[in-house]
């Protein structure tokens, strides 16, 4: 006590119990932390003898309204603002079920969450002088890095054909957005995880490797990844034999 802060707390009647609802406007906006403190410690005193049930309920109602209207809502993450109607529960579930190492899931998660350092976003906060890609002089977006830059179109088209064989469909029905928003629901589970494995490894390869590498380098990468998953105990339950189609050849 005796400090300047204590004096302001006394002046704002915060050192003794106060009636609810709290007059939050009494506290200056510059001391936002005190506003949150008062809101978090709000209470509703018990019904007094001389207080009618109607007045008591009205007091409870007024307190709840004050808390709801003065509490700051948590900010919405970037991807939820960009794609508000997306089934994010399925996306996070698919990310968890993808039969790839934990480090690979971290990379795919960064792509799905759109937190990768790309020139288009870095340029907006003046971290880089331009938003153009250093390889092809086009706007550097995440989708550009995955499917447009360098040999990306060839690699993605080849991958779509392999996925189409697994799903017994036309490649045009394999959407590019599966790379960043995998909302797919397939059956049986082994085929579902095989598709997730393929999508995850494509994203990992394109984001980690130099974009000047050839499609043959990509195929060699998939063969090594396939050898690793096929040498695990739960190979059959993970992806079955579906991955044989992925690395069968050009």
C-alpha atoms as a PDB file:
ATOM      1  CA  UNK A   1       0.000   0.000   0.000  1.00  0.00           C
ATOM      2  CA  UNK A   2       1.018   3.643  -0.316  1.00  0.00           C
ATOM      3  CA  UNK A   3       2.017   3.259  -3.964  1.00  0.00           C
ATOM      4  CA  UNK A   4       0.568   5.101  -6.947  1.00  0.00           C
ATOM      5  CA  UNK A   5      -1.058   1.865  -8.171  1.00  0.00           C
ATOM      6  CA  UNK A   6      -2.718   1.368  -4.785  1.00  0.00           C
ATOM      7  CA  UNK A   7      -4.068   4.908  -4.936  1.00  0.00           C
ATOM      8  CA  UNK A   8      -5.657   4.272  -8.325  1.00  0.00           C
ATOM      9  CA  UNK A   9      -7.092   0.955  -7.119  1.00  0.00           C
ATOM     10  CA  UNK A  10      -8.648   2.790  -4.188  1.00  0.00           C
ATOM     11  CA  UNK A  11     -10.019   5.520  -6.429  1.00  0.00           C
ATOM     12  CA  UNK A  12     -11.567   2.948  -8.742  1.00  0.00           C
ATOM     13  CA  UNK A  13     -13.049   1.085  -5.741  1.00  0.00           C
ATOM     14  CA  UNK A  14     -11.110  -2.088  -6.533  1.00  0.00           C
ATOM     15  CA  UNK A  15      -9.748  -2.699  -3.027  1.00  0.00           C
ATOM     16  CA  UNK A  16     -13.138  -3.521  -1.533  1.00  0.00           C
ATOM     17  CA  UNK A  17     -16.032  -5.684  -2.758  1.00  0.00           C
ATOM     18  CA  UNK A  18     -18.194  -3.781  -5.213  1.00  0.00           C
ATOM     19  CA  UNK A  19     -21.668  -4.357  -6.487  1.00  0.00           C
ATOM     20  CA  UNK A  20     -22.219  -6.144  -9.771  1.00  0.00           C
ATOM     21  CA  UNK A  21     -22.348  -5.603 -12.657  1.00  0.00           C
ATOM     22  CA  UNK A  22     -18.934  -3.960 -12.647  1.00  0.00           C
ATOM     23  CA  UNK A  23     -18.646  -0.509 -14.181  1.00  0.00           C
ATOM     24  CA  UNK A  24     -15.812  -1.472 -16.494  1.00  0.00           C
ATOM     25  CA  UNK A  25     -15.705   1.965 -18.120  1.00  0.00           C
ATOM     26  CA  UNK A  26     -14.470   3.383 -14.821  1.00  0.00           C
ATOM     27  CA  UNK A  27     -11.033   1.868 -15.591  1.00  0.00           C
ATOM     28  CA  UNK A  28      -9.051   3.619 -18.374  1.00  0.00           C
ATOM     29  CA  UNK A  29      -8.465   1.615 -21.544  1.00  0.00           C
ATOM     30  CA  UNK A  30      -4.720   2.149 -21.190  1.00  0.00           C
ATOM     31  CA  UNK A  31      -4.726  -0.212 -18.209  1.00  0.00           C
ATOM     32  CA  UNK A  32      -6.397  -3.069 -20.064  1.00  0.00           C
ATOM     33  CA  UNK A  33      -4.814  -5.646 -17.753  1.00  0.00           C
ATOM     34  CA  UNK A  34      -6.781  -4.212 -14.802  1.00  0.00           C
ATOM     35  CA  UNK A  35     -10.007  -4.478 -16.787  1.00  0.00           C
ATOM     36  CA  UNK A  36      -9.342  -8.173 -17.402  1.00  0.00           C
ATOM     37  CA  UNK A  37      -8.470  -8.627 -13.731  1.00  0.00           C
ATOM     38  CA  UNK A  38     -11.767  -7.114 -12.626  1.00  0.00           C
ATOM     39  CA  UNK A  39     -13.760  -9.160 -15.122  1.00  0.00           C
ATOM     40  CA  UNK A  40     -12.016 -12.407 -14.177  1.00  0.00           C
ATOM     41  CA  UNK A  41     -12.629 -11.824 -10.465  1.00  0.00           C
ATOM     42  CA  UNK A  42     -16.273 -10.844 -10.862  1.00  0.00           C
ATOM     43  CA  UNK A  43     -18.657 -12.468  -8.434  1.00  0.00           C
ATOM     44  CA  UNK A  44     -22.352 -12.567  -7.670  1.00  0.00           C
ATOM     45  CA  UNK A  45     -23.205 -12.027  -4.044  1.00  0.00           C
ATOM     46  CA  UNK A  46     -25.798 -14.290  -2.467  1.00  0.00           C
ATOM     47  CA  UNK A  47     -29.404 -13.192  -2.293  1.00  0.00           C
ATOM     48  CA  UNK A  48     -30.041 -10.795   0.564  1.00  0.00           C
ATOM     49  CA  UNK A  49     -32.987 -11.221   2.920  1.00  0.00           C
ATOM     50  CA  UNK A  50     -34.685  -8.032   1.804  1.00  0.00           C
ATOM     51  CA  UNK A  51     -34.048  -8.788  -1.888  1.00  0.00           C
ATOM     52  CA  UNK A  52     -36.854 -10.348  -3.903  1.00  0.00           C
ATOM     53  CA  UNK A  53     -36.242 -13.343  -6.167  1.00  0.00           C
ATOM     54  CA  UNK A  54     -37.006 -11.197  -9.196  1.00  0.00           C
ATOM     55  CA  UNK A  55     -34.423  -8.573  -8.199  1.00  0.00           C
ATOM     56  CA  UNK A  56     -31.850 -11.289  -7.481  1.00  0.00           C
ATOM     57  CA  UNK A  57     -32.345 -12.895 -10.892  1.00  0.00           C
ATOM     58  CA  UNK A  58     -32.133  -9.479 -12.511  1.00  0.00           C
ATOM     59  CA  UNK A  59     -28.803  -8.902 -10.761  1.00  0.00           C
ATOM     60  CA  UNK A  60     -27.475 -12.242 -12.037  1.00  0.00           C
ATOM     61  CA  UNK A  61     -28.666 -11.403 -15.545  1.00  0.00           C
ATOM     62  CA  UNK A  62     -27.025  -7.965 -15.517  1.00  0.00           C
ATOM     63  CA  UNK A  63     -23.734  -9.453 -14.310  1.00  0.00           C
ATOM     64  CA  UNK A  64     -23.684 -12.084 -17.060  1.00  0.00           C
ATOM     65  CA  UNK A  65     -24.496  -9.478 -19.715  1.00  0.00           C
ATOM     66  CA  UNK A  66     -21.602  -7.337 -18.458  1.00  0.00           C
ATOM     67  CA  UNK A  67     -19.162 -10.240 -18.641  1.00  0.00           C
ATOM     68  CA  UNK A  68     -20.281 -11.218 -22.129  1.00  0.00           C
ATOM     69  CA  UNK A  69     -20.115  -7.707 -23.555  1.00  0.00           C
ATOM     70  CA  UNK A  70     -16.818  -6.631 -21.986  1.00  0.00           C
ATOM     71  CA  UNK A  71     -14.710  -9.772 -22.412  1.00  0.00           C
ATOM     72  CA  UNK A  72     -12.509  -9.716 -25.496  1.00  0.00           C
ATOM     73  CA  UNK A  73     -13.084 -12.717 -27.749  1.00  0.00           C
ATOM     74  CA  UNK A  74      -9.972 -14.734 -28.658  1.00  0.00           C
ATOM     75  CA  UNK A  75      -8.646 -13.901 -32.145  1.00  0.00           C
ATOM     76  CA  UNK A  76      -9.483 -16.261 -35.005  1.00  0.00           C
ATOM     77  CA  UNK A  77      -6.447 -17.934 -36.553  1.00  0.00           C
ATOM     78  CA  UNK A  78      -5.410 -16.975 -40.076  1.00  0.00           C
ATOM     79  CA  UNK A  79      -6.632 -20.065 -41.947  1.00  0.00           C
ATOM     80  CA  UNK A  80     -10.057 -19.999 -40.280  1.00  0.00           C
ATOM     81  CA  UNK A  81     -10.569 -16.457 -41.552  1.00  0.00           C
ATOM     82  CA  UNK A  82      -9.486 -17.406 -45.073  1.00  0.00           C
ATOM     83  CA  UNK A  83     -11.588 -20.591 -45.314  1.00  0.00           C
ATOM     84  CA  UNK A  84     -14.359 -20.320 -42.709  1.00  0.00           C
ATOM     85  CA  UNK A  85     -16.544 -23.056 -44.239  1.00  0.00           C
ATOM     86  CA  UNK A  86     -13.834 -25.723 -44.329  1.00  0.00           C
ATOM     87  CA  UNK A  87     -14.124 -28.959 -42.338  1.00  0.00           C
ATOM     88  CA  UNK A  88     -11.054 -28.350 -40.175  1.00  0.00           C
ATOM     89  CA  UNK A  89     -11.866 -31.238 -37.836  1.00  0.00           C
ATOM     90  CA  UNK A  90     -11.391 -33.691 -40.711  1.00  0.00           C
ATOM     91  CA  UNK A  91      -8.231 -31.904 -41.859  1.00  0.00           C
ATOM     92  CA  UNK A  92      -6.513 -32.175 -38.467  1.00  0.00           C
ATOM     93  CA  UNK A  93      -7.667 -35.778 -38.153  1.00  0.00           C
ATOM     94  CA  UNK A  94      -6.162 -36.622 -41.553  1.00  0.00           C
ATOM     95  CA  UNK A  95      -2.921 -34.886 -40.614  1.00  0.00           C
ATOM     96  CA  UNK A  96      -2.720 -37.031 -37.491  1.00  0.00           C
ATOM     97  CA  UNK A  97      -3.520 -40.245 -39.406  1.00  0.00           C
ATOM     98  CA  UNK A  98      -0.978 -39.690 -42.198  1.00  0.00           C
ATOM     99  CA  UNK A  99       1.587 -42.561 -41.938  1.00  0.00           C
ATOM    100  CA  UNK A 100       4.637 -40.280 -42.079  1.00  0.00           C
ATOM    101  CA  UNK A 101       7.241 -39.374 -39.421  1.00  0.00           C
ATOM    102  CA  UNK A 102       6.508 -36.672 -36.869  1.00  0.00           C
ATOM    103  CA  UNK A 103       8.926 -34.213 -38.476  1.00  0.00           C
ATOM    104  CA  UNK A 104       7.086 -34.620 -41.777  1.00  0.00           C
ATOM    105  CA  UNK A 105       3.765 -33.928 -40.068  1.00  0.00           C
ATOM    106  CA  UNK A 106       5.230 -30.725 -38.651  1.00  0.00           C
ATOM    107  CA  UNK A 107       6.118 -29.573 -42.177  1.00  0.00           C
ATOM    108  CA  UNK A 108       2.683 -30.462 -43.552  1.00  0.00           C
ATOM    109  CA  UNK A 109       1.050 -28.758 -40.584  1.00  0.00           C
ATOM    110  CA  UNK A 110       2.999 -25.579 -41.352  1.00  0.00           C
ATOM    111  CA  UNK A 111       1.722 -25.678 -44.928  1.00  0.00           C
ATOM    112  CA  UNK A 112      -1.882 -26.369 -43.888  1.00  0.00           C
ATOM    113  CA  UNK A 113      -1.737 -23.618 -41.255  1.00  0.00           C
ATOM    114  CA  UNK A 114      -0.228 -21.246 -43.861  1.00  0.00           C
ATOM    115  CA  UNK A 115       2.655 -20.199 -41.610  1.00  0.00           C
ATOM    116  CA  UNK A 116       5.488 -20.922 -44.027  1.00  0.00           C
ATOM    117  CA  UNK A 117       7.727 -17.866 -44.705  1.00  0.00           C
ATOM    118  CA  UNK A 118       6.830 -16.973 -48.307  1.00  0.00           C
ATOM    119  CA  UNK A 119       7.739 -13.813 -50.162  1.00  0.00           C
ATOM    120  CA  UNK A 120       4.127 -12.728 -50.642  1.00  0.00           C
ATOM    121  CA  UNK A 121       3.623 -12.450 -46.867  1.00  0.00           C
ATOM    122  CA  UNK A 122       7.161 -11.334 -46.009  1.00  0.00           C
ATOM    123  CA  UNK A 123       6.851  -8.503 -48.532  1.00  0.00           C
ATOM    124  CA  UNK A 124       3.693  -7.225 -46.811  1.00  0.00           C
ATOM    125  CA  UNK A 125       5.605  -6.762 -43.548  1.00  0.00           C
ATOM    126  CA  UNK A 126       8.629  -5.326 -45.402  1.00  0.00           C
ATOM    127  CA  UNK A 127      10.932  -8.229 -44.610  1.00  0.00           C
ATOM    128  CA  UNK A 128      11.914  -8.731 -48.271  1.00  0.00           C
ATOM    129  CA  UNK A 129      12.068  -6.156 -51.100  1.00  0.00           C
ATOM    130  CA  UNK A 130       9.703  -8.043 -53.443  1.00  0.00           C
ATOM    131  CA  UNK A 131       6.967 -10.685 -53.394  1.00  0.00           C
ATOM    132  CA  UNK A 132       8.403 -12.466 -56.445  1.00  0.00           C
ATOM    133  CA  UNK A 133       9.865 -15.963 -56.436  1.00  0.00           C
ATOM    134  CA  UNK A 134      13.636 -16.082 -56.674  1.00  0.00           C
ATOM    135  CA  UNK A 135      13.499 -19.031 -59.104  1.00  0.00           C
ATOM    136  CA  UNK A 136      10.937 -18.021 -61.719  1.00  0.00           C
ATOM    137  CA  UNK A 137      10.103 -14.349 -60.982  1.00  0.00           C
ATOM    138  CA  UNK A 138       6.417 -15.030 -60.287  1.00  0.00           C
ATOM    139  CA  UNK A 139       4.458 -14.233 -57.140  1.00  0.00           C
ATOM    140  CA  UNK A 140       5.806 -16.483 -54.393  1.00  0.00           C
ATOM    141  CA  UNK A 141       2.780 -18.132 -52.760  1.00  0.00           C
ATOM    142  CA  UNK A 142       2.568 -21.484 -51.029  1.00  0.00           C
ATOM    143  CA  UNK A 143       0.646 -23.079 -53.884  1.00  0.00           C
ATOM    144  CA  UNK A 144       3.178 -21.632 -56.323  1.00  0.00           C
ATOM    145  CA  UNK A 145       6.010 -23.376 -54.466  1.00  0.00           C
ATOM    146  CA  UNK A 146       4.148 -26.674 -54.469  1.00  0.00           C
ATOM    147  CA  UNK A 147       2.699 -26.997 -57.958  1.00  0.00           C
ATOM    148  CA  UNK A 148       3.861 -24.126 -60.179  1.00  0.00           C
ATOM    149  CA  UNK A 149       7.559 -23.410 -59.663  1.00  0.00           C
ATOM    150  CA  UNK A 150      10.241 -25.309 -61.585  1.00  0.00           C
ATOM    151  CA  UNK A 151       9.276 -28.949 -62.186  1.00  0.00           C
ATOM    152  CA  UNK A 152       6.269 -28.577 -59.869  1.00  0.00           C
ATOM    153  CA  UNK A 153       3.604 -28.895 -62.608  1.00  0.00           C
ATOM    154  CA  UNK A 154       5.173 -32.107 -63.941  1.00  0.00           C
ATOM    155  CA  UNK A 155       5.590 -33.641 -60.492  1.00  0.00           C
ATOM    156  CA  UNK A 156       2.060 -32.786 -59.402  1.00  0.00           C
ATOM    157  CA  UNK A 157       0.501 -34.069 -62.627  1.00  0.00           C
ATOM    158  CA  UNK A 158       2.429 -37.344 -62.244  1.00  0.00           C
ATOM    159  CA  UNK A 159       1.269 -37.602 -58.602  1.00  0.00           C
ATOM    160  CA  UNK A 160      -2.358 -36.936 -59.574  1.00  0.00           C
ATOM    161  CA  UNK A 161      -2.232 -39.768 -62.112  1.00  0.00           C
ATOM    162  CA  UNK A 162      -0.945 -42.175 -59.461  1.00  0.00           C
ATOM    163  CA  UNK A 163      -3.612 -41.071 -56.983  1.00  0.00           C
ATOM    164  CA  UNK A 164      -6.255 -41.483 -59.680  1.00  0.00           C
ATOM    165  CA  UNK A 165      -5.149 -45.093 -60.182  1.00  0.00           C
ATOM    166  CA  UNK A 166      -5.485 -45.781 -56.455  1.00  0.00           C
ATOM    167  CA  UNK A 167      -8.923 -44.177 -56.355  1.00  0.00           C
ATOM    168  CA  UNK A 168      -9.995 -45.590 -59.743  1.00  0.00           C
ATOM    169  CA  UNK A 169     -11.031 -42.224 -61.056  1.00  0.00           C
ATOM    170  CA  UNK A 170      -9.942 -39.535 -63.502  1.00  0.00           C
ATOM    171  CA  UNK A 171      -7.003 -37.295 -62.448  1.00  0.00           C
ATOM    172  CA  UNK A 172      -9.183 -34.222 -62.906  1.00  0.00           C
ATOM    173  CA  UNK A 173     -11.123 -35.326 -59.817  1.00  0.00           C
ATOM    174  CA  UNK A 174      -7.993 -35.110 -57.645  1.00  0.00           C
ATOM    175  CA  UNK A 175      -8.191 -31.504 -56.360  1.00  0.00           C
ATOM    176  CA  UNK A 176      -5.021 -29.513 -55.784  1.00  0.00           C
ATOM    177  CA  UNK A 177      -6.490 -28.167 -52.534  1.00  0.00           C
ATOM    178  CA  UNK A 178      -5.980 -31.615 -50.959  1.00  0.00           C
ATOM    179  CA  UNK A 179      -2.345 -30.589 -50.553  1.00  0.00           C
ATOM    180  CA  UNK A 180      -3.279 -27.768 -48.166  1.00  0.00           C
ATOM    181  CA  UNK A 181      -6.781 -28.736 -47.016  1.00  0.00           C
ATOM    182  CA  UNK A 182      -7.034 -32.551 -47.027  1.00  0.00           C
ATOM    183  CA  UNK A 183     -10.729 -33.024 -46.288  1.00  0.00           C
ATOM    184  CA  UNK A 184     -10.877 -36.427 -48.013  1.00  0.00           C
ATOM    185  CA  UNK A 185     -12.725 -39.369 -46.495  1.00  0.00           C
ATOM    186  CA  UNK A 186     -11.905 -42.640 -48.247  1.00  0.00           C
ATOM    187  CA  UNK A 187     -12.481 -46.342 -47.727  1.00  0.00           C
ATOM    188  CA  UNK A 188     -10.900 -48.718 -46.874  1.00  0.00           C
ATOM    189  CA  UNK A 189      -8.613 -47.143 -44.238  1.00  0.00           C
ATOM    190  CA  UNK A 190      -5.454 -48.464 -45.944  1.00  0.00           C
ATOM    191  CA  UNK A 191      -6.303 -46.644 -49.178  1.00  0.00           C
ATOM    192  CA  UNK A 192      -7.176 -43.525 -47.205  1.00  0.00           C
ATOM    193  CA  UNK A 193      -3.787 -43.526 -45.459  1.00  0.00           C
ATOM    194  CA  UNK A 194      -1.957 -44.319 -48.726  1.00  0.00           C
ATOM    195  CA  UNK A 195      -3.416 -41.175 -50.286  1.00  0.00           C
ATOM    196  CA  UNK A 196      -2.493 -39.138 -47.197  1.00  0.00           C
ATOM    197  CA  UNK A 197       1.041 -40.559 -47.362  1.00  0.00           C
ATOM    198  CA  UNK A 198       1.354 -39.486 -50.998  1.00  0.00           C
ATOM    199  CA  UNK A 199       0.017 -35.965 -50.407  1.00  0.00           C
ATOM    200  CA  UNK A 200       2.195 -35.433 -47.340  1.00  0.00           C
ATOM    201  CA  UNK A 201       5.373 -36.598 -49.085  1.00  0.00           C
ATOM    202  CA  UNK A 202       4.688 -34.391 -52.102  1.00  0.00           C
ATOM    203  CA  UNK A 203       4.364 -31.328 -49.833  1.00  0.00           C
ATOM    204  CA  UNK A 204       7.440 -32.304 -47.825  1.00  0.00           C
ATOM    205  CA  UNK A 205       9.551 -32.839 -50.930  1.00  0.00           C
ATOM    206  CA  UNK A 206       8.522 -29.598 -52.610  1.00  0.00           C
ATOM    207  CA  UNK A 207       9.080 -27.481 -49.490  1.00  0.00           C
ATOM    208  CA  UNK A 208      12.328 -29.059 -48.313  1.00  0.00           C
ATOM    209  CA  UNK A 209      14.127 -29.788 -51.566  1.00  0.00           C
ATOM    210  CA  UNK A 210      15.530 -27.361 -54.093  1.00  0.00           C
ATOM    211  CA  UNK A 211      12.975 -26.661 -56.796  1.00  0.00           C
ATOM    212  CA  UNK A 212      15.534 -27.265 -59.561  1.00  0.00           C
ATOM    213  CA  UNK A 213      15.540 -31.037 -58.939  1.00  0.00           C
ATOM    214  CA  UNK A 214      14.082 -33.316 -61.597  1.00  0.00           C
ATOM    215  CA  UNK A 215      11.027 -35.607 -61.509  1.00  0.00           C
ATOM    216  CA  UNK A 216      13.447 -38.536 -61.286  1.00  0.00           C
ATOM    217  CA  UNK A 217      14.806 -37.089 -58.037  1.00  0.00           C
ATOM    218  CA  UNK A 218      11.228 -36.923 -56.754  1.00  0.00           C
ATOM    219  CA  UNK A 219      10.619 -40.548 -57.720  1.00  0.00           C
ATOM    220  CA  UNK A 220      13.796 -41.611 -55.902  1.00  0.00           C
ATOM    221  CA  UNK A 221      12.596 -39.697 -52.834  1.00  0.00           C
ATOM    222  CA  UNK A 222       9.271 -41.551 -52.896  1.00  0.00           C
ATOM    223  CA  UNK A 223      11.015 -44.904 -53.258  1.00  0.00           C
ATOM    224  CA  UNK A 224      13.128 -44.220 -50.178  1.00  0.00           C
ATOM    225  CA  UNK A 225      10.056 -43.110 -48.223  1.00  0.00           C
ATOM    226  CA  UNK A 226       8.153 -46.193 -49.390  1.00  0.00           C
ATOM    227  CA  UNK A 227      11.025 -48.470 -48.317  1.00  0.00           C
ATOM    228  CA  UNK A 228      10.889 -46.949 -44.820  1.00  0.00           C
ATOM    229  CA  UNK A 229       7.150 -47.447 -44.362  1.00  0.00           C
ATOM    230  CA  UNK A 230       7.241 -50.976 -45.811  1.00  0.00           C
ATOM    231  CA  UNK A 231       9.894 -51.958 -43.270  1.00  0.00           C
ATOM    232  CA  UNK A 232       7.695 -51.157 -40.287  1.00  0.00           C
ATOM    233  CA  UNK A 233       5.679 -53.704 -38.343  1.00  0.00           C
ATOM    234  CA  UNK A 234       2.314 -52.128 -39.098  1.00  0.00           C
ATOM    235  CA  UNK A 235       2.915 -51.790 -42.837  1.00  0.00           C
ATOM    236  CA  UNK A 236      -0.256 -53.691 -43.777  1.00  0.00           C
ATOM    237  CA  UNK A 237      -2.521 -51.659 -41.508  1.00  0.00           C
ATOM    238  CA  UNK A 238      -0.888 -48.392 -42.584  1.00  0.00           C
ATOM    239  CA  UNK A 239      -1.171 -48.416 -46.363  1.00  0.00           C
ATOM    240  CA  UNK A 240      -1.524 -52.017 -47.528  1.00  0.00           C
ATOM    241  CA  UNK A 241      -0.129 -52.562 -51.016  1.00  0.00           C
ATOM    242  CA  UNK A 242      -1.496 -49.331 -52.463  1.00  0.00           C
ATOM    243  CA  UNK A 243       1.892 -47.633 -52.475  1.00  0.00           C
ATOM    244  CA  UNK A 244       3.154 -50.081 -55.096  1.00  0.00           C
ATOM    245  CA  UNK A 245       1.211 -48.004 -57.614  1.00  0.00           C
ATOM    246  CA  UNK A 246       2.941 -44.798 -56.528  1.00  0.00           C
ATOM    247  CA  UNK A 247       6.487 -45.984 -57.222  1.00  0.00           C
ATOM    248  CA  UNK A 248       5.845 -48.461 -60.028  1.00  0.00           C
ATOM    249  CA  UNK A 249       7.706 -46.278 -62.531  1.00  0.00           C
ATOM    250  CA  UNK A 250       7.306 -43.175 -64.702  1.00  0.00           C
END
